[in-house]
């Protein structure tokens, strides 16, 4: 069974900064499962095997 984590773009965060956080999370062994744009911004769902 995997572990899951959501990463959300902060309200005033620049897209470049958010992309850097996404890439750092992926480099740490997390795999992007899905992403969506909501009224609050962008949310990315990550998964990692235990």
PDB file of N, CA and C in Angstrom:
ATOM      1  N   UNK A   1       0.846  -1.179   0.000  1.00  0.00           N
ATOM      2  CA  UNK A   1       0.000   0.000   0.000  1.00  0.00           C
ATOM      3  C   UNK A   1       0.887   1.236   0.000  1.00  0.00           C
ATOM      4  N   UNK A   2       0.477   2.249  -0.742  1.00  0.00           N
ATOM      5  CA  UNK A   2       1.258   3.462  -0.851  1.00  0.00           C
ATOM      6  C   UNK A   2       0.859   4.525   0.150  1.00  0.00           C
ATOM      7  N   UNK A   3       1.710   5.515   0.243  1.00  0.00           N
ATOM      8  CA  UNK A   3       1.411   6.703   1.039  1.00  0.00           C
ATOM      9  C   UNK A   3       1.090   7.813   0.055  1.00  0.00           C
ATOM     10  N   UNK A   4       0.211   8.711   0.449  1.00  0.00           N
ATOM     11  CA  UNK A   4      -0.239   9.773  -0.439  1.00  0.00           C
ATOM     12  C   UNK A   4      -0.018  11.137   0.206  1.00  0.00           C
ATOM     13  N   UNK A   5       0.215  12.137  -0.649  1.00  0.00           N
ATOM     14  CA  UNK A   5       0.437  13.494  -0.165  1.00  0.00           C
ATOM     15  C   UNK A   5      -0.144  14.473  -1.191  1.00  0.00           C
ATOM     16  N   UNK A   6      -0.796  15.516  -0.707  1.00  0.00           N
ATOM     17  CA  UNK A   6      -1.285  16.593  -1.559  1.00  0.00           C
ATOM     18  C   UNK A   6      -0.344  17.782  -1.426  1.00  0.00           C
ATOM     19  N   UNK A   7      -0.063  18.410  -2.547  1.00  0.00           N
ATOM     20  CA  UNK A   7       0.737  19.626  -2.560  1.00  0.00           C
ATOM     21  C   UNK A   7      -0.088  20.692  -3.273  1.00  0.00           C
ATOM     22  N   UNK A   8      -0.359  21.793  -2.580  1.00  0.00           N
ATOM     23  CA  UNK A   8      -1.185  22.858  -3.155  1.00  0.00           C
ATOM     24  C   UNK A   8      -0.353  24.103  -3.409  1.00  0.00           C
ATOM     25  N   UNK A   9      -0.668  24.779  -4.497  1.00  0.00           N
ATOM     26  CA  UNK A   9      -0.020  26.051  -4.796  1.00  0.00           C
ATOM     27  C   UNK A   9      -0.574  27.091  -3.832  1.00  0.00           C
ATOM     28  N   UNK A  10       0.322  27.803  -3.187  1.00  0.00           N
ATOM     29  CA  UNK A  10      -0.098  28.836  -2.247  1.00  0.00           C
ATOM     30  C   UNK A  10      -0.697  30.014  -3.004  1.00  0.00           C
ATOM     31  N   UNK A  11      -1.508  30.785  -2.329  1.00  0.00           N
ATOM     32  CA  UNK A  11      -2.277  31.853  -2.957  1.00  0.00           C
ATOM     33  C   UNK A  11      -1.408  32.839  -3.736  1.00  0.00           C
ATOM     34  N   UNK A  12      -0.363  33.354  -3.148  1.00  0.00           N
ATOM     35  CA  UNK A  12       0.467  34.362  -3.804  1.00  0.00           C
ATOM     36  C   UNK A  12       1.788  33.788  -4.324  1.00  0.00           C
ATOM     37  N   UNK A  13       1.899  32.483  -4.369  1.00  0.00           N
ATOM     38  CA  UNK A  13       3.136  31.826  -4.807  1.00  0.00           C
ATOM     39  C   UNK A  13       3.280  31.919  -6.330  1.00  0.00           C
ATOM     40  N   UNK A  14       4.474  32.254  -6.790  1.00  0.00           N
ATOM     41  CA  UNK A  14       4.738  32.305  -8.222  1.00  0.00           C
ATOM     42  C   UNK A  14       4.775  30.880  -8.773  1.00  0.00           C
ATOM     43  N   UNK A  15       4.422  30.726 -10.039  1.00  0.00           N
ATOM     44  CA  UNK A  15       4.389  29.409 -10.662  1.00  0.00           C
ATOM     45  C   UNK A  15       5.779  28.770 -10.669  1.00  0.00           C
ATOM     46  N   UNK A  16       6.827  29.543 -10.877  1.00  0.00           N
ATOM     47  CA  UNK A  16       8.186  28.991 -10.870  1.00  0.00           C
ATOM     48  C   UNK A  16       8.531  28.371  -9.522  1.00  0.00           C
ATOM     49  N   UNK A  17       8.120  29.026  -8.448  1.00  0.00           N
ATOM     50  CA  UNK A  17       8.383  28.520  -7.102  1.00  0.00           C
ATOM     51  C   UNK A  17       7.596  27.242  -6.853  1.00  0.00           C
ATOM     52  N   UNK A  18       6.359  27.208  -7.295  1.00  0.00           N
ATOM     53  CA  UNK A  18       5.535  26.004  -7.136  1.00  0.00           C
ATOM     54  C   UNK A  18       6.123  24.844  -7.927  1.00  0.00           C
ATOM     55  N   UNK A  19       6.550  25.097  -9.160  1.00  0.00           N
ATOM     56  CA  UNK A  19       7.172  24.054  -9.975  1.00  0.00           C
ATOM     57  C   UNK A  19       8.426  23.507  -9.305  1.00  0.00           C
ATOM     58  N   UNK A  20       9.194  24.375  -8.674  1.00  0.00           N
ATOM     59  CA  UNK A  20      10.399  23.936  -7.958  1.00  0.00           C
ATOM     60  C   UNK A  20      10.018  23.005  -6.808  1.00  0.00           C
ATOM     61  N   UNK A  21       8.972  23.345  -6.055  1.00  0.00           N
ATOM     62  CA  UNK A  21       8.523  22.482  -4.950  1.00  0.00           C
ATOM     63  C   UNK A  21       8.038  21.135  -5.472  1.00  0.00           C
ATOM     64  N   UNK A  22       7.313  21.135  -6.603  1.00  0.00           N
ATOM     65  CA  UNK A  22       6.836  19.887  -7.199  1.00  0.00           C
ATOM     66  C   UNK A  22       8.026  19.023  -7.615  1.00  0.00           C
ATOM     67  N   UNK A  23       9.004  19.613  -8.281  1.00  0.00           N
ATOM     68  CA  UNK A  23      10.178  18.868  -8.721  1.00  0.00           C
ATOM     69  C   UNK A  23      11.004  18.339  -7.549  1.00  0.00           C
ATOM     70  N   UNK A  24      11.127  19.110  -6.491  1.00  0.00           N
ATOM     71  CA  UNK A  24      11.860  18.656  -5.303  1.00  0.00           C
ATOM     72  C   UNK A  24      11.155  17.464  -4.655  1.00  0.00           C
ATOM     73  N   UNK A  25       9.836  17.514  -4.616  1.00  0.00           N
ATOM     74  CA  UNK A  25       9.065  16.409  -4.044  1.00  0.00           C
ATOM     75  C   UNK A  25       9.216  15.155  -4.895  1.00  0.00           C
ATOM     76  N   UNK A  26       9.165  15.313  -6.214  1.00  0.00           N
ATOM     77  CA  UNK A  26       9.348  14.171  -7.113  1.00  0.00           C
ATOM     78  C   UNK A  26      10.760  13.601  -6.990  1.00  0.00           C
ATOM     79  N   UNK A  27      11.756  14.445  -6.808  1.00  0.00           N
ATOM     80  CA  UNK A  27      13.135  13.988  -6.648  1.00  0.00           C
ATOM     81  C   UNK A  27      13.334  13.223  -5.349  1.00  0.00           C
ATOM     82  N   UNK A  28      12.464  13.465  -4.372  1.00  0.00           N
ATOM     83  CA  UNK A  28      12.554  12.787  -3.084  1.00  0.00           C
ATOM     84  C   UNK A  28      11.883  11.411  -3.112  1.00  0.00           C
ATOM     85  N   UNK A  29      11.447  10.967  -4.287  1.00  0.00           N
ATOM     86  CA  UNK A  29      10.876   9.631  -4.406  1.00  0.00           C
ATOM     87  C   UNK A  29       9.370   9.575  -4.538  1.00  0.00           C
ATOM     88  N   UNK A  30       8.714  10.717  -4.564  1.00  0.00           N
ATOM     89  CA  UNK A  30       7.262  10.754  -4.724  1.00  0.00           C
ATOM     90  C   UNK A  30       6.921  10.771  -6.208  1.00  0.00           C
ATOM     91  N   UNK A  31       5.854  10.094  -6.593  1.00  0.00           N
ATOM     92  CA  UNK A  31       5.401  10.008  -7.985  1.00  0.00           C
ATOM     93  C   UNK A  31       4.086  10.769  -8.121  1.00  0.00           C
ATOM     94  N   UNK A  32       3.988  11.601  -9.154  1.00  0.00           N
ATOM     95  CA  UNK A  32       2.749  12.347  -9.399  1.00  0.00           C
ATOM     96  C   UNK A  32       1.696  11.381  -9.922  1.00  0.00           C
ATOM     97  N   UNK A  33       0.554  11.341  -9.240  1.00  0.00           N
ATOM     98  CA  UNK A  33      -0.555  10.480  -9.633  1.00  0.00           C
ATOM     99  C   UNK A  33      -1.579  11.282 -10.431  1.00  0.00           C
ATOM    100  N   UNK A  34      -1.853  12.497  -9.974  1.00  0.00           N
ATOM    101  CA  UNK A  34      -2.877  13.318 -10.601  1.00  0.00           C
ATOM    102  C   UNK A  34      -2.660  14.771 -10.203  1.00  0.00           C
ATOM    103  N   UNK A  35      -3.226  15.679 -10.978  1.00  0.00           N
ATOM    104  CA  UNK A  35      -3.230  17.084 -10.598  1.00  0.00           C
ATOM    105  C   UNK A  35      -4.504  17.712 -11.134  1.00  0.00           C
ATOM    106  N   UNK A  36      -4.923  18.776 -10.472  1.00  0.00           N
ATOM    107  CA  UNK A  36      -6.155  19.441 -10.868  1.00  0.00           C
ATOM    108  C   UNK A  36      -6.070  20.922 -10.535  1.00  0.00           C
ATOM    109  N   UNK A  37      -6.869  21.695 -11.236  1.00  0.00           N
ATOM    110  CA  UNK A  37      -6.986  23.116 -10.941  1.00  0.00           C
ATOM    111  C   UNK A  37      -8.356  23.343 -10.318  1.00  0.00           C
ATOM    112  N   UNK A  38      -8.375  23.939  -9.143  1.00  0.00           N
ATOM    113  CA  UNK A  38      -9.620  24.199  -8.434  1.00  0.00           C
ATOM    114  C   UNK A  38      -9.785  25.698  -8.243  1.00  0.00           C
ATOM    115  N   UNK A  39     -10.838  26.087  -7.553  1.00  0.00           N
ATOM    116  CA  UNK A  39     -11.053  27.509  -7.279  1.00  0.00           C
ATOM    117  C   UNK A  39      -9.974  28.072  -6.360  1.00  0.00           C
ATOM    118  N   UNK A  40      -9.293  27.191  -5.622  1.00  0.00           N
ATOM    119  CA  UNK A  40      -8.224  27.626  -4.718  1.00  0.00           C
ATOM    120  C   UNK A  40      -6.869  27.661  -5.395  1.00  0.00           C
ATOM    121  N   UNK A  41      -6.730  27.019  -6.554  1.00  0.00           N
ATOM    122  CA  UNK A  41      -5.446  26.984  -7.248  1.00  0.00           C
ATOM    123  C   UNK A  41      -5.169  25.591  -7.784  1.00  0.00           C
ATOM    124  N   UNK A  42      -3.904  25.226  -7.814  1.00  0.00           N
ATOM    125  CA  UNK A  42      -3.484  23.936  -8.352  1.00  0.00           C
ATOM    126  C   UNK A  42      -3.166  22.991  -7.203  1.00  0.00           C
ATOM    127  N   UNK A  43      -3.640  21.753  -7.308  1.00  0.00           N
ATOM    128  CA  UNK A  43      -3.357  20.718  -6.324  1.00  0.00           C
ATOM    129  C   UNK A  43      -2.761  19.524  -7.042  1.00  0.00           C
ATOM    130  N   UNK A  44      -1.659  18.984  -6.489  1.00  0.00           N
ATOM    131  CA  UNK A  44      -0.988  17.822  -7.059  1.00  0.00           C
ATOM    132  C   UNK A  44      -1.060  16.681  -6.051  1.00  0.00           C
ATOM    133  N   UNK A  45      -1.424  15.496  -6.516  1.00  0.00           N
ATOM    134  CA  UNK A  45      -1.487  14.299  -5.677  1.00  0.00           C
ATOM    135  C   UNK A  45      -0.258  13.456  -5.964  1.00  0.00           C
ATOM    136  N   UNK A  46       0.522  13.159  -4.920  1.00  0.00           N
ATOM    137  CA  UNK A  46       1.706  12.327  -5.019  1.00  0.00           C
ATOM    138  C   UNK A  46       1.481  10.986  -4.327  1.00  0.00           C
ATOM    139  N   UNK A  47       2.216   9.970  -4.777  1.00  0.00           N
ATOM    140  CA  UNK A  47       2.165   8.644  -4.155  1.00  0.00           C
ATOM    141  C   UNK A  47       3.599   8.147  -4.005  1.00  0.00           C
ATOM    142  N   UNK A  48       3.836   7.394  -2.912  1.00  0.00           N
ATOM    143  CA  UNK A  48       5.132   6.750  -2.692  1.00  0.00           C
ATOM    144  C   UNK A  48       4.891   5.433  -2.005  1.00  0.00           C
ATOM    145  N   UNK A  49       5.577   4.402  -2.474  1.00  0.00           N
ATOM    146  CA  UNK A  49       5.472   3.091  -1.840  1.00  0.00           C
ATOM    147  C   UNK A  49       6.142   3.126  -0.484  1.00  0.00           C
ATOM    148  N   UNK A  50       5.585   2.376   0.434  1.00  0.00           N
ATOM    149  CA  UNK A  50       6.172   2.340   1.789  1.00  0.00           C
ATOM    150  C   UNK A  50       7.440   1.565   1.818  1.00  0.00           C
TER     151      UNK A  50
END
